[in-house]
Each structure stands twice: as structure tokens, then as C-alpha cells.
Amino acid sequence: MIKINQTFEQVYEPKKALLVYESVNADNFYIEAFDIGKNGKPLNAHPLSVSESIALAKSLANTAELSNTFLQSRNLLPENLLYTSTAIEGFAIWYTPPQKVSLRFIETLGIPCGSVAVPAMIWKANKSGLSVYAVKSPNKIKPDANQKLYHAPFFNVYESGKVCMGTVEIRIEEDCCLEDFMERWQAYFYNSYFSHTMHGHVPVKGNIVQLWQALYKTGKAFPVENLIATPLKIKDLL
């Protein structure tokens, strides 16, 4: 009760007012700031400055509800992490080397489900979506910003790299740590059923069904000569 009374007894004086304008023809916003005079009237209208924006952001970040722990690492940053943004609309970009993973395909494709070789991959994801690309990168060599991107050689991936997750239920919490975030998106992708190409996009040279059938039959490494280049480099994803 004492703490509640102390809270009620605190006196708050108006110091600044913000007026938000939204463009009629575009999704743009403009914020105007007002200083508040001794008589409570707004004075000195001006565009919200960088320093005022930073002060406001810090004030909001101090509240428990808006504290931002999204994509914070538990420890040292993962070695395969390439880039991360922990903003409200934060995202991460990471790399996985050539490896064998377990893939699932719908029965009508005639491709067995099980362990098969995939190429080195670049992943970009936020809370709600995933994009994937392939790179021609040897084992254990981390790609740099100028690494050329290739189309991911999978079904269910648009030409842009965005993945159609179908009926997969995506659960990424607001406070999801970086390591869990990366692990979950890889699991969502590899554990979903691959079913069809997207809008006529051909992600590999030759027949994609025959390519995966041959990989299962031979157990060989993914043939990177079958990858198709995109106009993008890793730096274009930042």
C-alpha cells in the first residue's frame, strides 16, 4: 500500500507533445514535436529530432513489455551467423555448409524420404518468414559479403528465395534467442513436405525430380554445377 501511495503522490508535468502525420497516398509518416510551456500550451513546433527519437526509444525500451531480447545470443555469437538485426522487425542471416539432411517429399513426386546431400545454404528469416539460397562454398569456409547467391534447389521456394511454408505452424516468441531462432527455422524448412515448384520457377538445371531421385540413389554430394545463379550477392540481403 505504501508503494501504491508513493506512486499516486508523484507529480508529472507535461514536457513534450508529439503529433503524427500519415501520408494520404503512401505509407509514410512524419512526426512533429512540441515543447510544452509553463502554462501547458504547446510551443516550438519542429520535426522530431534524432536525439529526441533516441530518448523516446530508450524510455520505451525500459518498460518490461517492450524490452527487446529478440535474437539476443545466449553466449558468443554462433560461428555460422553472418548478420543479425535485433530491431522490432529484426532478422538474422546465417550459413550452413554442404551436408546430409533428412527431407520429406509428397508421395506423388516419387522421391524417397530420408537423408540426402544438400548444398551450402544461406538463410534469412524474421519472425514470420524465411528465404533460402544456395552458395558454392567448400566445407568449413564461411562465405563473405560478395559471395554469389544461387537459387535454392528445392520445391516450395519462390524465385525470390522466399519459402512457402504451407500448413507449417510457425511459432517464434517475442523473446526467442538467436540460437533457438536459427534452429527452429531450419527444422521448419527441412521437416515440411516438399511438394511443388512455385509459379513455374525452375530452381535447378535439368529435371528437379530426377535430380533428387538420383541423389537418393547414389548418396553423392549435391552437384553444384546444377545450381542456377541469381543476380544477388549476400550483401544484397543486408
Protein backbone atom coordinates (compact mmCIF):
# COMPACT_ATOMS: atom_id res chain seq x y z
CA MET A 1 0.00 0.00 0.00
CA ILE A 2 2.86 2.38 0.78
CA LYS A 3 4.36 1.84 -2.68
CA ILE A 4 1.00 2.50 -4.34
CA ASN A 5 0.53 5.70 -2.37
CA GLN A 6 4.02 6.84 -3.35
CA THR A 7 3.18 6.26 -6.99
CA PHE A 8 -0.03 8.30 -6.73
CA GLU A 9 1.82 11.08 -4.93
CA GLN A 10 4.33 11.56 -7.76
CA VAL A 11 3.73 14.71 -9.78
CA TYR A 12 4.09 14.54 -13.55
CA GLU A 13 4.41 17.68 -15.64
CA PRO A 14 3.91 17.77 -19.42
CA LYS A 15 7.20 18.35 -21.22
CA LYS A 16 6.65 17.39 -24.85
CA ALA A 17 3.83 16.53 -27.24
CA LEU A 18 4.07 14.50 -30.45
CA LEU A 19 1.80 14.85 -33.47
CA VAL A 20 1.92 12.05 -36.04
CA TYR A 21 1.02 12.73 -39.68
CA GLU A 22 0.34 9.95 -42.19
CA SER A 23 0.65 10.46 -45.94
CA VAL A 24 -2.64 10.17 -47.80
CA ASN A 25 -1.11 8.50 -50.87
CA ALA A 26 1.70 6.44 -49.34
CA ASP A 27 2.57 4.51 -46.20
CA ASN A 28 4.81 7.28 -44.87
CA PHE A 29 4.77 9.06 -41.53
CA TYR A 30 6.03 12.41 -40.29
CA ILE A 31 6.31 13.25 -36.59
CA GLU A 32 6.19 16.80 -35.29
CA ALA A 33 7.34 17.57 -31.73
CA PHE A 34 6.14 20.38 -29.46
CA ASP A 35 7.76 21.66 -26.30
CA ILE A 36 5.24 22.36 -23.54
CA GLY A 37 5.35 25.79 -21.86
CA LYS A 38 4.71 26.58 -18.19
CA ASN A 39 1.06 27.28 -18.92
CA GLY A 40 0.66 23.85 -20.52
CA LYS A 41 0.45 25.14 -24.08
CA PRO A 42 2.48 23.54 -26.92
CA LEU A 43 5.35 25.68 -28.21
CA ASN A 44 8.19 25.50 -30.72
CA ALA A 45 6.76 23.03 -33.25
CA HIS A 46 9.59 21.18 -35.03
CA PRO A 47 10.32 17.84 -36.73
CA LEU A 48 11.17 15.15 -34.17
CA SER A 49 14.97 15.21 -33.95
CA VAL A 50 17.32 12.22 -33.84
CA SER A 51 18.23 12.92 -30.21
CA GLU A 52 14.55 13.14 -29.25
CA SER A 53 13.85 9.88 -31.09
CA ILE A 54 16.68 8.13 -29.25
CA ALA A 55 15.47 9.41 -25.88
CA LEU A 56 11.93 8.19 -26.65
CA ALA A 57 13.20 4.79 -27.79
CA LYS A 58 15.26 4.38 -24.61
CA SER A 59 12.28 5.31 -22.47
CA LEU A 60 10.05 2.75 -24.21
CA ALA A 61 12.75 0.07 -24.11
CA ASN A 62 12.95 0.39 -20.33
CA THR A 63 9.40 -0.90 -19.91
CA ALA A 64 9.14 -4.64 -19.25
CA GLU A 65 6.57 -5.14 -22.00
CA LEU A 66 8.76 -3.60 -24.71
CA SER A 67 12.18 -4.76 -23.56
CA ASN A 68 13.84 -6.30 -26.60
CA THR A 69 15.56 -9.63 -26.11
CA PHE A 70 14.62 -10.95 -29.54
CA LEU A 71 17.60 -12.54 -31.34
CA GLN A 72 19.94 -11.99 -28.42
CA SER A 73 22.57 -14.72 -28.23
CA ARG A 74 22.91 -16.89 -25.12
CA ASN A 75 26.67 -16.70 -25.36
CA LEU A 76 29.24 -15.93 -28.05
CA LEU A 77 27.67 -15.43 -31.47
CA PRO A 78 27.28 -18.67 -33.47
CA GLU A 79 30.16 -19.22 -35.89
CA ASN A 80 27.82 -19.60 -38.86
CA LEU A 81 25.99 -16.31 -38.20
CA LEU A 82 26.53 -13.75 -40.96
CA TYR A 83 24.33 -10.84 -39.85
CA THR A 84 21.65 -10.02 -37.32
CA SER A 85 19.30 -7.13 -36.63
CA THR A 86 17.58 -7.08 -33.24
CA ALA A 87 15.14 -4.30 -34.08
CA ILE A 88 11.38 -4.80 -33.63
CA GLU A 89 11.28 -6.23 -37.15
CA GLY A 90 14.59 -7.99 -36.60
CA PHE A 91 16.04 -10.75 -38.75
CA ALA A 92 19.08 -12.99 -38.99
CA ILE A 93 21.21 -14.26 -41.87
CA TRP A 94 23.27 -17.40 -41.44
CA TYR A 95 25.15 -20.08 -43.33
CA THR A 96 25.11 -23.88 -43.29
CA PRO A 97 27.79 -25.95 -45.07
CA PRO A 98 27.17 -28.78 -47.52
CA GLN A 99 25.72 -31.65 -45.51
CA LYS A 100 23.27 -34.52 -45.45
CA VAL A 101 19.83 -33.81 -44.01
CA SER A 102 16.55 -35.66 -43.82
CA LEU A 103 14.00 -34.39 -46.36
CA ARG A 104 10.33 -35.22 -46.90
CA PHE A 105 8.51 -35.29 -50.24
CA ILE A 106 4.87 -35.93 -51.06
CA GLU A 107 4.29 -39.43 -52.37
CA THR A 108 3.20 -38.39 -55.88
CA LEU A 109 6.67 -36.98 -56.66
CA GLY A 110 8.17 -40.45 -56.48
CA ILE A 111 11.15 -39.23 -54.43
CA PRO A 112 12.06 -41.23 -51.32
CA CYS A 113 12.05 -39.51 -47.94
CA GLY A 114 15.25 -39.72 -45.93
CA SER A 115 18.83 -38.49 -45.64
CA VAL A 116 20.30 -36.81 -48.72
CA ALA A 117 23.03 -34.31 -49.59
CA VAL A 118 22.20 -30.62 -49.88
CA PRO A 119 24.48 -27.75 -50.94
CA ALA A 120 25.82 -24.96 -48.75
CA MET A 121 22.91 -22.70 -47.84
CA ILE A 122 22.25 -19.08 -46.91
CA TRP A 123 19.23 -18.49 -44.65
CA LYS A 124 17.44 -15.20 -43.97
CA ALA A 125 14.49 -15.16 -41.57
CA ASN A 126 12.39 -12.89 -39.38
CA LYS A 127 9.54 -13.81 -37.01
CA SER A 128 7.12 -14.65 -39.79
CA GLY A 129 9.03 -15.64 -42.92
CA LEU A 130 12.05 -17.44 -44.36
CA SER A 131 14.12 -17.07 -47.53
CA VAL A 132 16.79 -19.55 -48.62
CA TYR A 133 19.58 -19.54 -51.19
CA ALA A 134 22.41 -21.84 -52.18
CA VAL A 135 26.10 -20.97 -52.45
CA LYS A 136 29.05 -22.74 -54.00
CA SER A 137 31.18 -22.85 -50.88
CA PRO A 138 33.51 -25.65 -49.70
CA ASN A 139 33.15 -27.22 -46.27
CA LYS A 140 34.01 -25.04 -43.26
CA ILE A 141 34.70 -21.93 -45.36
CA LYS A 142 32.46 -19.11 -44.20
CA PRO A 143 31.22 -17.03 -47.17
CA ASP A 144 31.83 -13.29 -47.33
CA ALA A 145 29.52 -10.43 -48.33
CA ASN A 146 30.46 -10.72 -52.02
CA GLN A 147 29.57 -14.40 -52.27
CA LYS A 148 27.27 -15.03 -55.22
CA LEU A 149 23.84 -16.49 -54.43
CA TYR A 150 22.18 -19.32 -56.32
CA HIS A 151 18.57 -20.46 -56.28
CA ALA A 152 17.89 -22.95 -53.52
CA PRO A 153 17.37 -26.30 -55.33
CA PHE A 154 14.13 -27.19 -53.56
CA PHE A 155 10.42 -27.36 -54.14
CA ASN A 156 8.18 -24.83 -52.32
CA VAL A 157 10.63 -21.94 -52.88
CA TYR A 158 9.73 -18.87 -54.94
CA GLU A 159 12.12 -17.35 -57.45
CA SER A 160 12.76 -14.54 -54.92
CA GLY A 161 14.03 -17.09 -52.41
CA LYS A 162 11.01 -16.84 -50.14
CA VAL A 163 9.77 -20.18 -48.82
CA CYS A 164 6.13 -21.24 -48.95
CA MET A 165 5.65 -22.93 -45.57
CA GLY A 166 2.20 -24.27 -46.44
CA THR A 167 0.42 -25.56 -43.34
CA VAL A 168 3.52 -25.49 -41.11
CA GLU A 169 2.66 -23.70 -37.86
CA ILE A 170 5.35 -21.10 -37.18
CA ARG A 171 5.96 -20.28 -33.52
CA ILE A 172 8.63 -17.67 -32.87
CA GLU A 173 8.28 -15.94 -29.49
CA GLU A 174 8.98 -12.24 -28.98
CA ASP A 175 11.93 -13.15 -26.75
CA CYS A 176 13.27 -16.01 -28.89
CA CYS A 177 17.06 -16.22 -28.58
CA LEU A 178 19.27 -16.31 -31.65
CA GLU A 179 20.32 -19.95 -31.38
CA ASP A 180 16.74 -21.23 -30.99
CA PHE A 181 15.58 -18.95 -33.82
CA MET A 182 18.07 -20.40 -36.31
CA GLU A 183 17.46 -23.97 -35.20
CA ARG A 184 13.68 -23.66 -35.43
CA TRP A 185 13.65 -22.21 -38.94
CA GLN A 186 15.92 -24.98 -40.21
CA ALA A 187 13.65 -27.56 -38.59
CA TYR A 188 10.52 -25.91 -40.04
CA PHE A 189 12.07 -25.99 -43.51
CA TYR A 190 13.54 -29.48 -43.53
CA ASN A 191 10.63 -31.12 -41.70
CA SER A 192 7.97 -29.75 -44.04
CA TYR A 193 6.80 -31.77 -47.04
CA PHE A 194 8.23 -30.60 -50.36
CA SER A 195 5.53 -30.80 -52.97
CA HIS A 196 5.74 -28.47 -55.99
CA THR A 197 7.64 -25.71 -57.76
CA MET A 198 6.31 -22.18 -57.32
CA HIS A 199 4.68 -20.29 -60.21
CA GLY A 200 6.72 -22.12 -62.84
CA HIS A 201 10.06 -21.31 -61.20
CA VAL A 202 12.71 -23.86 -62.19
CA PRO A 203 15.34 -23.82 -59.40
CA VAL A 204 17.93 -26.14 -60.98
CA LYS A 205 19.36 -27.08 -64.35
CA GLY A 206 17.56 -30.12 -65.68
CA ASN A 207 14.70 -32.04 -64.10
CA ILE A 208 14.39 -31.34 -60.37
CA VAL A 209 12.54 -34.61 -59.63
CA GLN A 210 15.19 -36.71 -61.39
CA LEU A 211 17.94 -34.76 -59.62
CA TRP A 212 16.65 -35.63 -56.14
CA GLN A 213 15.89 -39.21 -57.15
CA ALA A 214 19.50 -39.62 -58.33
CA LEU A 215 20.89 -38.06 -55.13
CA TYR A 216 19.00 -40.57 -53.01
CA LYS A 217 20.10 -43.44 -55.20
CA THR A 218 23.81 -42.58 -55.35
CA GLY A 219 24.30 -40.90 -51.95
CA LYS A 220 26.75 -38.48 -53.60
CA ALA A 221 27.36 -34.81 -52.68
CA PHE A 222 24.99 -32.29 -54.22
CA PRO A 223 26.17 -31.42 -57.77
CA VAL A 224 26.70 -27.64 -57.54
CA GLU A 225 27.01 -27.45 -61.33
CA ASN A 226 23.22 -27.91 -61.38
CA LEU A 227 22.65 -24.68 -59.42
CA ILE A 228 21.26 -21.62 -61.22
CA ALA A 229 22.71 -18.22 -60.35
CA THR A 230 20.60 -15.32 -59.06
CA PRO A 231 21.56 -11.66 -59.63
CA LEU A 232 22.18 -11.32 -55.88
CA LYS A 233 25.14 -11.46 -53.53
CA ILE A 234 24.99 -11.95 -49.77
CA LYS A 235 25.45 -8.21 -49.20
CA ASP A 236 22.19 -7.58 -51.05
CA LEU A 237 20.30 -9.37 -48.25
CA LEU A 238 21.51 -7.00 -45.52
